[in-house]
N, C-alpha and C. Protein backbone atom coordinates (compact mmCIF):
# COMPACT_ATOMS: atom_id res chain seq x y z
N MET A 1 -14.88 2.57 -11.48
CA MET A 1 -13.88 1.57 -11.83
C MET A 1 -14.17 1.04 -13.22
N SER A 2 -13.17 1.03 -14.09
CA SER A 2 -13.32 0.52 -15.45
C SER A 2 -13.50 -0.99 -15.43
N ILE A 3 -14.38 -1.51 -16.31
CA ILE A 3 -14.59 -2.95 -16.40
C ILE A 3 -13.30 -3.64 -16.81
N ARG A 4 -12.48 -2.98 -17.63
CA ARG A 4 -11.25 -3.57 -18.14
C ARG A 4 -10.05 -3.24 -17.25
N GLU A 5 -10.31 -2.78 -16.06
CA GLU A 5 -9.23 -2.44 -15.14
C GLU A 5 -8.48 -3.69 -14.70
N LEU A 6 -7.17 -3.52 -14.53
CA LEU A 6 -6.36 -4.58 -13.94
C LEU A 6 -6.86 -4.86 -12.53
N GLN A 7 -7.23 -6.11 -12.25
CA GLN A 7 -7.83 -6.45 -10.96
C GLN A 7 -7.32 -7.79 -10.47
N PRO A 8 -7.26 -7.97 -9.15
CA PRO A 8 -6.90 -9.29 -8.60
C PRO A 8 -8.05 -10.28 -8.80
N GLU A 9 -7.75 -11.55 -8.59
CA GLU A 9 -8.79 -12.57 -8.67
C GLU A 9 -9.90 -12.26 -7.67
N GLY A 10 -11.13 -12.28 -8.13
CA GLY A 10 -12.26 -11.92 -7.27
C GLY A 10 -12.60 -10.45 -7.32
N GLY A 11 -11.76 -9.65 -7.97
CA GLY A 11 -12.02 -8.22 -8.09
C GLY A 11 -11.67 -7.46 -6.82
N TRP A 12 -11.67 -6.15 -6.94
CA TRP A 12 -11.43 -5.29 -5.76
C TRP A 12 -12.62 -5.36 -4.82
N ILE A 13 -12.36 -5.27 -3.53
CA ILE A 13 -13.44 -5.17 -2.54
C ILE A 13 -13.91 -3.73 -2.53
N GLN A 14 -15.17 -3.52 -2.90
CA GLN A 14 -15.72 -2.17 -2.94
C GLN A 14 -17.14 -2.17 -2.39
N LEU A 15 -17.37 -1.32 -1.41
CA LEU A 15 -18.70 -1.18 -0.83
C LEU A 15 -19.55 -0.29 -1.73
N ALA A 16 -20.87 -0.49 -1.66
CA ALA A 16 -21.77 0.34 -2.46
C ALA A 16 -21.68 1.80 -2.04
N GLU A 17 -21.50 2.05 -0.74
CA GLU A 17 -21.38 3.39 -0.20
C GLU A 17 -20.33 3.39 0.90
N PRO A 18 -19.54 4.47 1.04
CA PRO A 18 -18.58 4.55 2.15
C PRO A 18 -19.29 4.48 3.50
N ARG A 19 -18.67 3.81 4.44
CA ARG A 19 -19.19 3.76 5.81
C ARG A 19 -18.63 4.89 6.65
N LEU A 20 -17.45 5.35 6.29
CA LEU A 20 -16.81 6.46 6.99
C LEU A 20 -16.34 7.47 5.95
N ARG A 21 -16.50 8.75 6.29
CA ARG A 21 -16.10 9.82 5.36
C ARG A 21 -15.19 10.80 6.11
N PRO A 22 -14.28 11.46 5.39
CA PRO A 22 -13.42 12.46 6.04
C PRO A 22 -14.25 13.59 6.63
N PRO A 23 -14.05 13.92 7.90
CA PRO A 23 -14.74 15.08 8.46
C PRO A 23 -14.29 16.36 7.77
N PRO A 24 -15.13 17.39 7.72
CA PRO A 24 -14.70 18.66 7.12
C PRO A 24 -13.54 19.25 7.91
N PRO A 25 -12.66 20.01 7.26
CA PRO A 25 -11.44 20.53 7.92
C PRO A 25 -11.67 21.19 9.27
N PRO A 26 -12.72 22.02 9.48
CA PRO A 26 -12.88 22.65 10.80
C PRO A 26 -13.06 21.66 11.94
N GLN A 27 -13.47 20.42 11.62
CA GLN A 27 -13.70 19.42 12.66
C GLN A 27 -12.48 18.53 12.91
N ARG A 28 -11.38 18.83 12.27
CA ARG A 28 -10.23 17.93 12.37
C ARG A 28 -9.24 18.32 13.47
N GLY A 29 -9.40 19.46 14.08
CA GLY A 29 -8.52 19.86 15.17
C GLY A 29 -7.28 20.59 14.67
N LEU A 30 -6.78 21.47 15.52
CA LEU A 30 -5.65 22.31 15.12
C LEU A 30 -4.39 21.49 14.89
N LEU A 31 -4.12 20.52 15.76
CA LEU A 31 -2.90 19.73 15.62
C LEU A 31 -2.92 18.94 14.32
N PHE A 32 -4.05 18.32 14.02
CA PHE A 32 -4.14 17.54 12.79
C PHE A 32 -3.94 18.44 11.57
N ARG A 33 -4.57 19.61 11.60
CA ARG A 33 -4.44 20.51 10.46
C ARG A 33 -3.01 21.00 10.29
N ALA A 34 -2.31 21.18 11.40
CA ALA A 34 -0.91 21.59 11.32
C ALA A 34 -0.04 20.48 10.73
N VAL A 35 -0.28 19.25 11.20
CA VAL A 35 0.51 18.12 10.72
C VAL A 35 0.18 17.79 9.28
N SER A 36 -1.04 18.10 8.85
CA SER A 36 -1.45 17.79 7.48
C SER A 36 -0.55 18.44 6.45
N GLY A 37 0.06 19.55 6.83
CA GLY A 37 0.98 20.21 5.91
C GLY A 37 2.22 19.39 5.62
N GLY A 38 2.44 18.34 6.42
CA GLY A 38 3.59 17.46 6.20
C GLY A 38 3.29 16.26 5.34
N ALA A 39 2.24 16.35 4.53
CA ALA A 39 1.86 15.21 3.69
C ALA A 39 3.01 14.75 2.80
N ARG A 40 3.86 15.67 2.39
CA ARG A 40 4.97 15.32 1.51
C ARG A 40 5.94 14.36 2.20
N MET A 41 5.95 14.36 3.52
CA MET A 41 6.81 13.43 4.25
C MET A 41 6.46 11.99 3.90
N PHE A 42 5.19 11.75 3.56
CA PHE A 42 4.74 10.41 3.21
C PHE A 42 4.72 10.21 1.70
N GLY A 43 5.39 11.09 0.97
CA GLY A 43 5.45 10.95 -0.46
C GLY A 43 4.21 11.42 -1.18
N ARG A 44 3.39 12.27 -0.54
CA ARG A 44 2.12 12.68 -1.11
C ARG A 44 2.08 14.16 -1.39
N LYS A 45 1.47 14.54 -2.51
CA LYS A 45 1.26 15.94 -2.83
C LYS A 45 0.13 16.52 -1.98
N GLN A 46 -0.84 15.66 -1.64
CA GLN A 46 -1.91 16.08 -0.75
C GLN A 46 -2.19 14.95 0.22
N LEU A 47 -2.79 15.26 1.33
CA LEU A 47 -3.02 14.26 2.37
C LEU A 47 -4.11 13.29 1.92
N PRO A 48 -3.83 11.99 1.89
CA PRO A 48 -4.86 11.02 1.53
C PRO A 48 -6.01 11.03 2.53
N ASP A 49 -7.21 10.71 2.04
CA ASP A 49 -8.40 10.70 2.90
C ASP A 49 -8.30 9.68 4.02
N LEU A 50 -7.43 8.67 3.85
CA LEU A 50 -7.21 7.72 4.94
C LEU A 50 -6.92 8.43 6.25
N PHE A 51 -6.12 9.49 6.20
CA PHE A 51 -5.64 10.14 7.42
C PHE A 51 -6.78 10.83 8.19
N PRO A 52 -7.58 11.71 7.57
CA PRO A 52 -8.66 12.31 8.35
C PRO A 52 -9.72 11.30 8.79
N VAL A 53 -9.91 10.23 8.02
CA VAL A 53 -10.87 9.22 8.45
C VAL A 53 -10.33 8.48 9.67
N PHE A 54 -9.08 8.05 9.62
CA PHE A 54 -8.48 7.37 10.77
C PHE A 54 -8.46 8.30 11.98
N HIS A 55 -8.28 9.59 11.74
CA HIS A 55 -8.19 10.58 12.82
C HIS A 55 -9.52 10.73 13.57
N ILE A 56 -10.60 10.18 13.06
CA ILE A 56 -11.86 10.17 13.81
C ILE A 56 -11.64 9.52 15.17
N ASN A 57 -10.76 8.52 15.22
CA ASN A 57 -10.35 7.92 16.50
C ASN A 57 -8.96 8.47 16.82
N ARG A 58 -8.92 9.62 17.49
CA ARG A 58 -7.65 10.30 17.71
C ARG A 58 -6.73 9.53 18.64
N ARG A 59 -7.31 8.78 19.57
CA ARG A 59 -6.49 8.02 20.52
C ARG A 59 -5.64 6.98 19.80
N LEU A 60 -6.17 6.38 18.74
CA LEU A 60 -5.39 5.42 17.96
C LEU A 60 -4.57 6.09 16.86
N PHE A 61 -5.08 7.19 16.32
CA PHE A 61 -4.45 7.78 15.15
C PHE A 61 -3.02 8.23 15.41
N TRP A 62 -2.79 8.97 16.49
CA TRP A 62 -1.47 9.55 16.70
C TRP A 62 -0.39 8.51 16.96
N PRO A 63 -0.63 7.49 17.80
CA PRO A 63 0.39 6.44 17.93
C PRO A 63 0.61 5.69 16.61
N TRP A 64 -0.49 5.45 15.88
CA TRP A 64 -0.35 4.77 14.58
C TRP A 64 0.51 5.60 13.62
N LEU A 65 0.28 6.90 13.59
CA LEU A 65 1.02 7.76 12.66
C LEU A 65 2.52 7.68 12.93
N PHE A 66 2.89 7.69 14.20
CA PHE A 66 4.31 7.58 14.54
C PHE A 66 4.86 6.24 14.09
N PHE A 67 4.12 5.18 14.39
CA PHE A 67 4.56 3.83 14.00
C PHE A 67 4.68 3.72 12.48
N ALA A 68 3.63 4.16 11.76
CA ALA A 68 3.62 4.06 10.29
C ALA A 68 4.79 4.81 9.68
N SER A 69 5.15 5.95 10.29
CA SER A 69 6.24 6.75 9.73
C SER A 69 7.58 6.06 9.88
N ARG A 70 7.69 5.10 10.80
CA ARG A 70 8.94 4.35 10.95
C ARG A 70 9.09 3.32 9.84
N LEU A 71 7.98 2.98 9.17
CA LEU A 71 8.03 2.09 8.02
C LEU A 71 8.14 2.86 6.71
N MET A 72 7.41 3.99 6.66
CA MET A 72 7.41 4.85 5.48
C MET A 72 7.13 6.27 5.91
N PRO A 73 8.02 7.20 5.67
CA PRO A 73 9.23 7.10 4.85
C PRO A 73 10.48 6.72 5.62
N GLY A 74 10.35 6.43 6.93
CA GLY A 74 11.52 6.25 7.77
C GLY A 74 12.06 4.84 7.83
N GLY A 75 11.59 3.94 6.96
CA GLY A 75 12.08 2.57 6.98
C GLY A 75 13.48 2.44 6.40
N ARG A 76 14.09 1.28 6.62
CA ARG A 76 15.44 1.01 6.12
C ARG A 76 15.42 0.22 4.82
N LEU A 77 14.27 -0.31 4.45
CA LEU A 77 14.15 -1.01 3.18
C LEU A 77 14.20 0.02 2.05
N LYS A 78 14.85 -0.31 0.95
CA LYS A 78 14.91 0.61 -0.19
C LYS A 78 13.50 0.93 -0.65
N ALA A 79 13.29 2.18 -1.11
CA ALA A 79 11.94 2.64 -1.44
C ALA A 79 11.28 1.76 -2.49
N GLN A 80 12.00 1.36 -3.52
CA GLN A 80 11.38 0.53 -4.56
C GLN A 80 10.98 -0.83 -4.00
N GLU A 81 11.82 -1.41 -3.14
CA GLU A 81 11.48 -2.70 -2.54
C GLU A 81 10.28 -2.55 -1.61
N ARG A 82 10.27 -1.48 -0.83
CA ARG A 82 9.13 -1.21 0.06
C ARG A 82 7.84 -1.12 -0.74
N GLU A 83 7.88 -0.39 -1.84
CA GLU A 83 6.66 -0.22 -2.63
C GLU A 83 6.22 -1.50 -3.32
N LYS A 84 7.15 -2.33 -3.71
CA LYS A 84 6.79 -3.64 -4.26
C LYS A 84 6.03 -4.46 -3.22
N VAL A 85 6.52 -4.44 -1.98
CA VAL A 85 5.86 -5.17 -0.91
C VAL A 85 4.46 -4.62 -0.65
N ILE A 86 4.33 -3.30 -0.57
CA ILE A 86 3.03 -2.71 -0.26
C ILE A 86 2.05 -2.95 -1.41
N LEU A 87 2.51 -2.79 -2.65
CA LEU A 87 1.62 -3.02 -3.78
C LEU A 87 1.15 -4.48 -3.83
N ARG A 88 2.06 -5.41 -3.62
CA ARG A 88 1.64 -6.83 -3.65
C ARG A 88 0.67 -7.12 -2.51
N THR A 89 0.90 -6.52 -1.35
CA THR A 89 -0.01 -6.71 -0.22
C THR A 89 -1.38 -6.12 -0.52
N GLY A 90 -1.42 -4.91 -1.07
CA GLY A 90 -2.69 -4.32 -1.45
C GLY A 90 -3.43 -5.16 -2.47
N TRP A 91 -2.67 -5.72 -3.43
CA TRP A 91 -3.25 -6.60 -4.45
C TRP A 91 -3.85 -7.84 -3.80
N ASN A 92 -3.07 -8.49 -2.92
CA ASN A 92 -3.54 -9.70 -2.25
C ASN A 92 -4.78 -9.44 -1.40
N CYS A 93 -4.84 -8.25 -0.79
CA CYS A 93 -5.98 -7.89 0.06
C CYS A 93 -7.16 -7.34 -0.74
N ARG A 94 -6.99 -7.25 -2.06
CA ARG A 94 -8.03 -6.74 -2.97
C ARG A 94 -8.45 -5.32 -2.57
N CYS A 95 -7.46 -4.53 -2.15
CA CYS A 95 -7.72 -3.18 -1.65
C CYS A 95 -7.33 -2.16 -2.71
N ARG A 96 -8.31 -1.67 -3.42
CA ARG A 96 -8.05 -0.75 -4.53
C ARG A 96 -7.46 0.57 -4.03
N TYR A 97 -7.88 1.04 -2.87
CA TYR A 97 -7.34 2.30 -2.35
C TYR A 97 -5.85 2.15 -2.08
N GLU A 98 -5.46 1.09 -1.41
CA GLU A 98 -4.04 0.88 -1.10
C GLU A 98 -3.24 0.70 -2.40
N TRP A 99 -3.78 -0.06 -3.33
CA TRP A 99 -3.11 -0.27 -4.61
C TRP A 99 -2.96 1.06 -5.35
N GLY A 100 -4.01 1.84 -5.43
CA GLY A 100 -3.96 3.10 -6.17
C GLY A 100 -3.01 4.10 -5.55
N GLN A 101 -3.07 4.25 -4.24
CA GLN A 101 -2.17 5.19 -3.57
C GLN A 101 -0.72 4.80 -3.81
N HIS A 102 -0.42 3.51 -3.69
CA HIS A 102 0.98 3.09 -3.80
C HIS A 102 1.40 2.84 -5.24
N LEU A 103 0.45 2.78 -6.15
CA LEU A 103 0.80 2.87 -7.55
C LEU A 103 1.46 4.22 -7.82
N GLU A 104 0.84 5.28 -7.32
CA GLU A 104 1.42 6.62 -7.51
C GLU A 104 2.75 6.75 -6.77
N ILE A 105 2.81 6.31 -5.52
CA ILE A 105 4.06 6.41 -4.76
C ILE A 105 5.15 5.56 -5.40
N GLY A 106 4.78 4.36 -5.86
CA GLY A 106 5.75 3.48 -6.49
C GLY A 106 6.33 4.08 -7.75
N LEU A 107 5.48 4.67 -8.57
CA LEU A 107 5.97 5.33 -9.78
C LEU A 107 6.92 6.47 -9.41
N GLY A 108 6.57 7.21 -8.36
CA GLY A 108 7.43 8.29 -7.90
C GLY A 108 8.76 7.81 -7.36
N ALA A 109 8.77 6.57 -6.85
CA ALA A 109 10.00 5.98 -6.31
C ALA A 109 10.86 5.34 -7.40
N GLY A 110 10.36 5.34 -8.64
CA GLY A 110 11.15 4.82 -9.74
C GLY A 110 10.68 3.50 -10.32
N LEU A 111 9.56 2.94 -9.84
CA LEU A 111 9.03 1.73 -10.45
C LEU A 111 8.48 2.06 -11.83
N SER A 112 8.61 1.14 -12.74
CA SER A 112 8.08 1.31 -14.09
C SER A 112 6.72 0.63 -14.20
N ASP A 113 6.02 0.91 -15.31
CA ASP A 113 4.76 0.22 -15.56
C ASP A 113 4.98 -1.29 -15.61
N ASP A 114 6.08 -1.73 -16.21
CA ASP A 114 6.38 -3.16 -16.28
C ASP A 114 6.61 -3.75 -14.89
N ASP A 115 7.27 -2.99 -14.01
CA ASP A 115 7.46 -3.45 -12.63
C ASP A 115 6.11 -3.70 -11.98
N ILE A 116 5.20 -2.76 -12.16
CA ILE A 116 3.89 -2.85 -11.51
C ILE A 116 3.09 -4.02 -12.08
N LEU A 117 3.17 -4.23 -13.38
CA LEU A 117 2.50 -5.39 -13.96
C LEU A 117 3.06 -6.69 -13.40
N ARG A 118 4.39 -6.76 -13.23
CA ARG A 118 4.99 -7.96 -12.65
C ARG A 118 4.49 -8.18 -11.24
N ILE A 119 4.39 -7.12 -10.48
CA ILE A 119 3.90 -7.24 -9.10
C ILE A 119 2.50 -7.82 -9.09
N SER A 120 1.65 -7.38 -10.02
CA SER A 120 0.28 -7.90 -10.07
C SER A 120 0.24 -9.37 -10.46
N ARG A 121 1.24 -9.81 -11.22
CA ARG A 121 1.24 -11.20 -11.71
C ARG A 121 1.89 -12.17 -10.74
N GLY A 122 2.62 -11.64 -9.75
CA GLY A 122 3.10 -12.48 -8.68
C GLY A 122 4.55 -12.90 -8.79
N PRO A 123 5.02 -13.69 -7.81
CA PRO A 123 6.44 -14.04 -7.70
C PRO A 123 7.01 -14.73 -8.93
N SER A 124 6.21 -15.50 -9.63
CA SER A 124 6.73 -16.25 -10.78
C SER A 124 7.22 -15.32 -11.89
N GLN A 125 6.78 -14.07 -11.87
CA GLN A 125 7.17 -13.12 -12.91
C GLN A 125 8.32 -12.21 -12.48
N ALA A 126 8.85 -12.43 -11.29
CA ALA A 126 9.91 -11.56 -10.76
C ALA A 126 11.17 -11.63 -11.62
N LEU A 127 11.91 -10.54 -11.61
CA LEU A 127 13.12 -10.46 -12.43
C LEU A 127 14.30 -11.17 -11.80
N ASP A 128 14.33 -11.25 -10.46
CA ASP A 128 15.46 -11.86 -9.80
C ASP A 128 15.01 -12.50 -8.49
N GLU A 129 15.96 -13.17 -7.85
CA GLU A 129 15.65 -13.93 -6.64
C GLU A 129 15.15 -13.04 -5.51
N ARG A 130 15.76 -11.86 -5.36
CA ARG A 130 15.39 -10.96 -4.27
C ARG A 130 13.94 -10.50 -4.44
N GLU A 131 13.59 -10.05 -5.64
CA GLU A 131 12.22 -9.60 -5.88
C GLU A 131 11.24 -10.75 -5.71
N ARG A 132 11.61 -11.93 -6.20
CA ARG A 132 10.74 -13.10 -6.08
C ARG A 132 10.47 -13.41 -4.61
N ALA A 133 11.49 -13.33 -3.79
CA ALA A 133 11.31 -13.64 -2.37
C ALA A 133 10.44 -12.60 -1.67
N LEU A 134 10.61 -11.32 -2.02
CA LEU A 134 9.77 -10.28 -1.42
C LEU A 134 8.30 -10.50 -1.76
N LEU A 135 8.02 -10.77 -3.04
CA LEU A 135 6.62 -10.98 -3.45
C LEU A 135 6.07 -12.27 -2.86
N GLN A 136 6.93 -13.30 -2.78
CA GLN A 136 6.47 -14.57 -2.21
C GLN A 136 6.16 -14.42 -0.72
N ALA A 137 6.94 -13.60 -0.02
CA ALA A 137 6.67 -13.35 1.39
C ALA A 137 5.28 -12.73 1.56
N CYS A 138 4.94 -11.80 0.68
CA CYS A 138 3.59 -11.19 0.72
C CYS A 138 2.52 -12.25 0.49
N ASP A 139 2.74 -13.13 -0.48
CA ASP A 139 1.76 -14.17 -0.77
C ASP A 139 1.66 -15.18 0.37
N ASP A 140 2.80 -15.54 0.94
CA ASP A 140 2.79 -16.47 2.08
C ASP A 140 1.97 -15.90 3.23
N MET A 141 2.21 -14.64 3.55
CA MET A 141 1.49 -14.01 4.67
C MET A 141 -0.01 -13.91 4.37
N ALA A 142 -0.36 -13.64 3.11
CA ALA A 142 -1.77 -13.53 2.76
C ALA A 142 -2.48 -14.87 2.85
N ARG A 143 -1.80 -15.93 2.46
CA ARG A 143 -2.45 -17.24 2.36
C ARG A 143 -2.36 -18.04 3.66
N GLU A 144 -1.18 -17.97 4.31
CA GLU A 144 -0.95 -18.83 5.47
C GLU A 144 -0.67 -18.08 6.76
N GLN A 145 -0.55 -16.75 6.67
CA GLN A 145 -0.21 -15.92 7.83
C GLN A 145 1.15 -16.27 8.42
N VAL A 146 2.03 -16.81 7.58
CA VAL A 146 3.40 -17.09 8.00
C VAL A 146 4.26 -17.09 6.74
N ILE A 147 5.46 -16.55 6.84
CA ILE A 147 6.41 -16.63 5.74
C ILE A 147 7.03 -18.03 5.78
N SER A 148 6.96 -18.73 4.68
CA SER A 148 7.43 -20.12 4.65
C SER A 148 8.92 -20.20 4.93
N ALA A 149 9.36 -21.40 5.32
CA ALA A 149 10.78 -21.61 5.61
C ALA A 149 11.64 -21.33 4.39
N ALA A 150 11.18 -21.77 3.22
CA ALA A 150 11.97 -21.57 2.01
C ALA A 150 12.07 -20.08 1.66
N THR A 151 10.96 -19.36 1.79
CA THR A 151 10.97 -17.93 1.48
C THR A 151 11.85 -17.18 2.47
N TRP A 152 11.73 -17.53 3.74
CA TRP A 152 12.54 -16.88 4.77
C TRP A 152 14.04 -17.11 4.52
N ALA A 153 14.39 -18.34 4.16
CA ALA A 153 15.80 -18.65 3.91
C ALA A 153 16.34 -17.82 2.73
N THR A 154 15.51 -17.66 1.71
CA THR A 154 15.95 -16.85 0.56
C THR A 154 16.11 -15.39 0.96
N LEU A 155 15.13 -14.87 1.68
CA LEU A 155 15.23 -13.48 2.16
C LEU A 155 16.47 -13.29 3.02
N ALA A 156 16.76 -14.28 3.87
CA ALA A 156 17.90 -14.18 4.79
C ALA A 156 19.22 -14.15 4.03
N GLY A 157 19.22 -14.61 2.79
CA GLY A 157 20.42 -14.53 1.97
C GLY A 157 20.67 -13.12 1.42
N HIS A 158 19.65 -12.24 1.56
CA HIS A 158 19.76 -10.89 1.02
C HIS A 158 19.65 -9.80 2.09
N TYR A 159 19.04 -10.13 3.23
CA TYR A 159 18.77 -9.11 4.25
C TYR A 159 19.22 -9.59 5.62
N ARG A 160 19.74 -8.66 6.42
CA ARG A 160 20.09 -8.97 7.81
C ARG A 160 18.82 -9.01 8.65
N GLU A 161 18.94 -9.50 9.87
CA GLU A 161 17.76 -9.74 10.71
C GLU A 161 16.89 -8.50 10.94
N PRO A 162 17.47 -7.31 11.20
CA PRO A 162 16.60 -6.15 11.38
C PRO A 162 15.69 -5.90 10.17
N LEU A 163 16.21 -6.10 8.96
CA LEU A 163 15.38 -5.90 7.78
C LEU A 163 14.40 -7.04 7.57
N LEU A 164 14.74 -8.24 7.98
CA LEU A 164 13.77 -9.34 7.93
C LEU A 164 12.57 -9.01 8.80
N ILE A 165 12.84 -8.43 9.97
CA ILE A 165 11.75 -8.00 10.85
C ILE A 165 10.94 -6.91 10.17
N GLU A 166 11.63 -5.93 9.58
CA GLU A 166 10.92 -4.82 8.94
C GLU A 166 10.04 -5.31 7.79
N ILE A 167 10.54 -6.23 6.99
CA ILE A 167 9.73 -6.77 5.89
C ILE A 167 8.47 -7.44 6.42
N THR A 168 8.62 -8.25 7.46
CA THR A 168 7.48 -8.95 8.02
C THR A 168 6.45 -7.98 8.59
N ILE A 169 6.92 -6.98 9.33
CA ILE A 169 6.02 -5.99 9.92
C ILE A 169 5.39 -5.13 8.84
N LEU A 170 6.14 -4.80 7.80
CA LEU A 170 5.60 -4.01 6.69
C LEU A 170 4.41 -4.72 6.05
N ILE A 171 4.57 -6.01 5.77
CA ILE A 171 3.47 -6.77 5.18
C ILE A 171 2.27 -6.78 6.12
N GLY A 172 2.51 -7.12 7.39
CA GLY A 172 1.41 -7.19 8.34
C GLY A 172 0.72 -5.85 8.55
N HIS A 173 1.50 -4.78 8.57
CA HIS A 173 0.92 -3.46 8.76
C HIS A 173 -0.01 -3.10 7.62
N TYR A 174 0.44 -3.35 6.39
CA TYR A 174 -0.39 -2.96 5.25
C TYR A 174 -1.55 -3.93 5.03
N GLN A 175 -1.47 -5.13 5.55
CA GLN A 175 -2.66 -5.99 5.60
C GLN A 175 -3.70 -5.36 6.53
N MET A 176 -3.25 -4.89 7.68
CA MET A 176 -4.15 -4.24 8.63
C MET A 176 -4.79 -3.00 8.02
N VAL A 177 -3.97 -2.15 7.40
CA VAL A 177 -4.49 -0.93 6.79
C VAL A 177 -5.48 -1.27 5.68
N ALA A 178 -5.17 -2.29 4.88
CA ALA A 178 -6.08 -2.70 3.81
C ALA A 178 -7.43 -3.15 4.38
N GLY A 179 -7.40 -3.87 5.48
CA GLY A 179 -8.65 -4.29 6.10
C GLY A 179 -9.49 -3.11 6.56
N PHE A 180 -8.83 -2.10 7.11
CA PHE A 180 -9.54 -0.89 7.52
C PHE A 180 -10.11 -0.16 6.31
N LEU A 181 -9.31 -0.04 5.26
CA LEU A 181 -9.76 0.65 4.06
C LEU A 181 -10.92 -0.08 3.40
N ASN A 182 -10.80 -1.40 3.27
CA ASN A 182 -11.89 -2.18 2.67
C ASN A 182 -13.17 -2.07 3.48
N SER A 183 -13.04 -2.07 4.80
CA SER A 183 -14.22 -2.07 5.66
C SER A 183 -14.86 -0.70 5.77
N SER A 184 -14.06 0.37 5.65
CA SER A 184 -14.61 1.72 5.76
C SER A 184 -15.13 2.24 4.42
N GLY A 185 -14.64 1.64 3.32
CA GLY A 185 -15.13 2.04 2.01
C GLY A 185 -14.60 3.36 1.50
N ILE A 186 -13.43 3.79 1.96
CA ILE A 186 -12.84 5.05 1.49
C ILE A 186 -12.54 4.93 0.00
N ALA A 187 -12.96 5.93 -0.76
CA ALA A 187 -12.73 5.94 -2.21
C ALA A 187 -11.46 6.70 -2.55
N LEU A 188 -10.83 6.31 -3.64
CA LEU A 188 -9.65 7.02 -4.10
C LEU A 188 -9.96 8.48 -4.40
N GLU A 189 -9.05 9.35 -4.04
CA GLU A 189 -9.19 10.77 -4.37
C GLU A 189 -9.09 10.95 -5.89
N PRO A 190 -9.75 11.96 -6.45
CA PRO A 190 -9.76 12.15 -7.91
C PRO A 190 -8.36 12.19 -8.53
N ALA A 191 -7.41 12.84 -7.88
CA ALA A 191 -6.06 12.94 -8.46
C ALA A 191 -5.40 11.57 -8.55
N ILE A 192 -5.61 10.72 -7.55
CA ILE A 192 -5.03 9.38 -7.57
C ILE A 192 -5.79 8.50 -8.54
N GLU A 193 -7.10 8.67 -8.61
CA GLU A 193 -7.90 7.94 -9.61
C GLU A 193 -7.37 8.22 -11.01
N GLN A 194 -6.98 9.45 -11.26
CA GLN A 194 -6.44 9.80 -12.58
C GLN A 194 -5.13 9.08 -12.84
N VAL A 195 -4.30 8.95 -11.81
CA VAL A 195 -3.04 8.21 -11.95
C VAL A 195 -3.32 6.76 -12.34
N VAL A 196 -4.31 6.17 -11.69
CA VAL A 196 -4.67 4.78 -11.98
C VAL A 196 -5.17 4.65 -13.42
N GLN A 197 -6.05 5.54 -13.81
CA GLN A 197 -6.59 5.47 -15.17
C GLN A 197 -5.51 5.72 -16.22
N ASP A 198 -4.59 6.63 -15.94
CA ASP A 198 -3.47 6.88 -16.85
C ASP A 198 -2.60 5.62 -16.99
N PHE A 199 -2.38 4.94 -15.89
CA PHE A 199 -1.62 3.69 -15.92
C PHE A 199 -2.32 2.66 -16.81
N HIS A 200 -3.64 2.53 -16.65
CA HIS A 200 -4.38 1.57 -17.48
C HIS A 200 -4.31 1.93 -18.96
N ARG A 201 -4.35 3.20 -19.26
CA ARG A 201 -4.23 3.59 -20.65
C ARG A 201 -2.85 3.24 -21.20
N ARG A 202 -1.83 3.44 -20.40
CA ARG A 202 -0.47 3.15 -20.86
C ARG A 202 -0.26 1.66 -21.13
N ILE A 203 -0.92 0.81 -20.35
CA ILE A 203 -0.74 -0.62 -20.55
C ILE A 203 -1.79 -1.20 -21.48
N GLY A 204 -2.60 -0.31 -22.08
CA GLY A 204 -3.54 -0.74 -23.09
C GLY A 204 -4.82 -1.36 -22.58
N MET A 205 -5.29 -0.88 -21.42
CA MET A 205 -6.52 -1.44 -20.85
C MET A 205 -7.69 -0.48 -20.95
N SER A 206 -7.60 0.56 -21.74
CA SER A 206 -8.72 1.47 -21.90
C SER A 206 -8.98 1.71 -23.38
């Protein structure tokens, strides 16, 4: 990690050594290896290490995978809005892996470097009311574990109830995933690390 890297207050949570590592492919099982070919379904060129590590607990992995796919890529929230929520949640959770992975996905969904910088700076830097409310909902959940009445009312002016539920669950889900990533110490894959470093160079941090 570069000393001049864009970081949340307190820095990224990083363990000295990973506690869990991806098992080698022969130990991942035939079904997992078959499904791994569908990495592109999640917007990935290659399967993130999160998946084989989570798959160590197969009883939880498969139900989680189905659930996660209903949020991404199968969610009803627009891809750019979804990625803004996930990036802000990863930032709030100080989870560099989640931030790095969704930096790449967000760029692929059409977010600009300026969009990503705004997300890191928080709701006060949002371009419009809708974006401000989405980012504020992430901050509310991180700080108080509840979306405030004012934030909810603003969101309700832009989204129907099914999407209000999806936004809330999306934030909570990626808080959970960030906690797992922070606690297991999974490191960014080299290709994603390069995306992060390229981003820092573009914004003048290297």
